């Protein structure tokens, strides 16, 4: 239940930011809701997996996840 609440909060935060800041050319291709879902579940899933295994330092995993998301967002643009 806590996990669900965390993911929902992350979704709402991202949706708010994307709704205000997503450029029109991106908005024509992807709705803020779709992007917020993609990003929130990607971030949440990576955090859950790290918590399960903890084979790498949290900062290392965070850096990799952010780098991957940025690369994917650039590719989608």
C-alpha atoms as a PDB file:
ATOM      1  CA  UNK A   1       0.000   0.000   0.000  1.00  0.00           C
ATOM      2  CA  UNK A   2       2.865   2.368   0.783  1.00  0.00           C
ATOM      3  CA  UNK A   3       4.524   1.496  -2.524  1.00  0.00           C
ATOM      4  CA  UNK A   4       1.341   2.347  -4.373  1.00  0.00           C
ATOM      5  CA  UNK A   5       1.094   5.707  -2.586  1.00  0.00           C
ATOM      6  CA  UNK A   6       4.729   6.539  -3.383  1.00  0.00           C
ATOM      7  CA  UNK A   7       4.289   5.707  -7.056  1.00  0.00           C
ATOM      8  CA  UNK A   8       1.066   7.745  -7.212  1.00  0.00           C
ATOM      9  CA  UNK A   9       2.762  10.764  -5.607  1.00  0.00           C
ATOM     10  CA  UNK A  10       5.623  10.493  -8.077  1.00  0.00           C
ATOM     11  CA  UNK A  11       3.128  10.286 -10.950  1.00  0.00           C
ATOM     12  CA  UNK A  12       1.223  13.351  -9.726  1.00  0.00           C
ATOM     13  CA  UNK A  13       4.438  15.343  -9.273  1.00  0.00           C
ATOM     14  CA  UNK A  14       5.678  14.480 -12.765  1.00  0.00           C
ATOM     15  CA  UNK A  15       2.270  15.091 -14.320  1.00  0.00           C
ATOM     16  CA  UNK A  16       2.143  18.567 -12.795  1.00  0.00           C
ATOM     17  CA  UNK A  17       5.594  19.422 -14.108  1.00  0.00           C
ATOM     18  CA  UNK A  18       4.933  17.969 -17.556  1.00  0.00           C
ATOM     19  CA  UNK A  19       1.558  19.689 -17.842  1.00  0.00           C
ATOM     20  CA  UNK A  20       3.212  23.050 -17.168  1.00  0.00           C
ATOM     21  CA  UNK A  21       6.495  22.577 -19.005  1.00  0.00           C
ATOM     22  CA  UNK A  22       6.112  20.066 -21.825  1.00  0.00           C
ATOM     23  CA  UNK A  23       6.867  21.763 -25.152  1.00  0.00           C
ATOM     24  CA  UNK A  24       4.051  21.750 -27.705  1.00  0.00           C
ATOM     25  CA  UNK A  25       5.957  19.547 -30.166  1.00  0.00           C
ATOM     26  CA  UNK A  26       6.284  16.843 -27.481  1.00  0.00           C
ATOM     27  CA  UNK A  27       2.674  17.296 -26.428  1.00  0.00           C
ATOM     28  CA  UNK A  28       1.534  16.554 -29.976  1.00  0.00           C
ATOM     29  CA  UNK A  29       3.311  13.186 -29.848  1.00  0.00           C
ATOM     30  CA  UNK A  30       2.815  12.146 -26.218  1.00  0.00           C
ATOM     31  CA  UNK A  31       0.290  13.218 -23.649  1.00  0.00           C
ATOM     32  CA  UNK A  32       1.581  14.450 -20.280  1.00  0.00           C
ATOM     33  CA  UNK A  33      -0.322  11.553 -18.690  1.00  0.00           C
ATOM     34  CA  UNK A  34       1.474   8.957 -20.812  1.00  0.00           C
ATOM     35  CA  UNK A  35       4.884  10.469 -20.132  1.00  0.00           C
ATOM     36  CA  UNK A  36       4.169  10.787 -16.403  1.00  0.00           C
ATOM     37  CA  UNK A  37       3.146   7.127 -16.318  1.00  0.00           C
ATOM     38  CA  UNK A  38       6.280   6.045 -18.196  1.00  0.00           C
ATOM     39  CA  UNK A  39       8.614   8.120 -16.057  1.00  0.00           C
ATOM     40  CA  UNK A  40       7.014   7.382 -12.691  1.00  0.00           C
ATOM     41  CA  UNK A  41       6.938   3.624 -13.202  1.00  0.00           C
ATOM     42  CA  UNK A  42      10.484   3.651 -14.589  1.00  0.00           C
ATOM     43  CA  UNK A  43      11.814   5.533 -11.583  1.00  0.00           C
ATOM     44  CA  UNK A  44       9.716   3.607  -9.098  1.00  0.00           C
ATOM     45  CA  UNK A  45      10.632   0.233 -10.575  1.00  0.00           C
ATOM     46  CA  UNK A  46      14.333   1.048 -10.533  1.00  0.00           C
ATOM     47  CA  UNK A  47      14.091   2.107  -6.885  1.00  0.00           C
ATOM     48  CA  UNK A  48      12.226  -1.061  -5.892  1.00  0.00           C
ATOM     49  CA  UNK A  49      14.732  -3.247  -7.710  1.00  0.00           C
ATOM     50  CA  UNK A  50      17.669  -1.445  -6.095  1.00  0.00           C
ATOM     51  CA  UNK A  51      16.061  -1.864  -2.662  1.00  0.00           C
ATOM     52  CA  UNK A  52      15.673  -5.593  -3.293  1.00  0.00           C
ATOM     53  CA  UNK A  53      19.235  -6.257  -4.414  1.00  0.00           C
ATOM     54  CA  UNK A  54      21.445  -3.351  -3.293  1.00  0.00           C
ATOM     55  CA  UNK A  55      24.321  -4.612  -5.398  1.00  0.00           C
ATOM     56  CA  UNK A  56      25.346  -1.053  -6.310  1.00  0.00           C
ATOM     57  CA  UNK A  57      25.527   2.208  -4.409  1.00  0.00           C
ATOM     58  CA  UNK A  58      22.258   4.140  -4.504  1.00  0.00           C
ATOM     59  CA  UNK A  59      23.953   7.164  -6.114  1.00  0.00           C
ATOM     60  CA  UNK A  60      25.383   4.989  -8.893  1.00  0.00           C
ATOM     61  CA  UNK A  61      21.958   3.508  -9.642  1.00  0.00           C
ATOM     62  CA  UNK A  62      20.307   6.943  -9.509  1.00  0.00           C
ATOM     63  CA  UNK A  63      22.876   8.348 -11.953  1.00  0.00           C
ATOM     64  CA  UNK A  64      22.352   5.445 -14.363  1.00  0.00           C
ATOM     65  CA  UNK A  65      18.561   5.729 -14.222  1.00  0.00           C
ATOM     66  CA  UNK A  66      18.599   9.482 -14.829  1.00  0.00           C
ATOM     67  CA  UNK A  67      21.068   9.093 -17.705  1.00  0.00           C
ATOM     68  CA  UNK A  68      18.931   6.388 -19.288  1.00  0.00           C
ATOM     69  CA  UNK A  69      15.739   8.428 -18.939  1.00  0.00           C
ATOM     70  CA  UNK A  70      17.379  11.494 -20.459  1.00  0.00           C
ATOM     71  CA  UNK A  71      18.664   9.442 -23.400  1.00  0.00           C
ATOM     72  CA  UNK A  72      15.198   7.951 -23.960  1.00  0.00           C
ATOM     73  CA  UNK A  73      13.472  11.320 -23.726  1.00  0.00           C
ATOM     74  CA  UNK A  74      15.951  12.761 -26.255  1.00  0.00           C
ATOM     75  CA  UNK A  75      15.295   9.816 -28.554  1.00  0.00           C
ATOM     76  CA  UNK A  76      11.535  10.322 -28.306  1.00  0.00           C
ATOM     77  CA  UNK A  77      11.786  14.019 -29.090  1.00  0.00           C
END
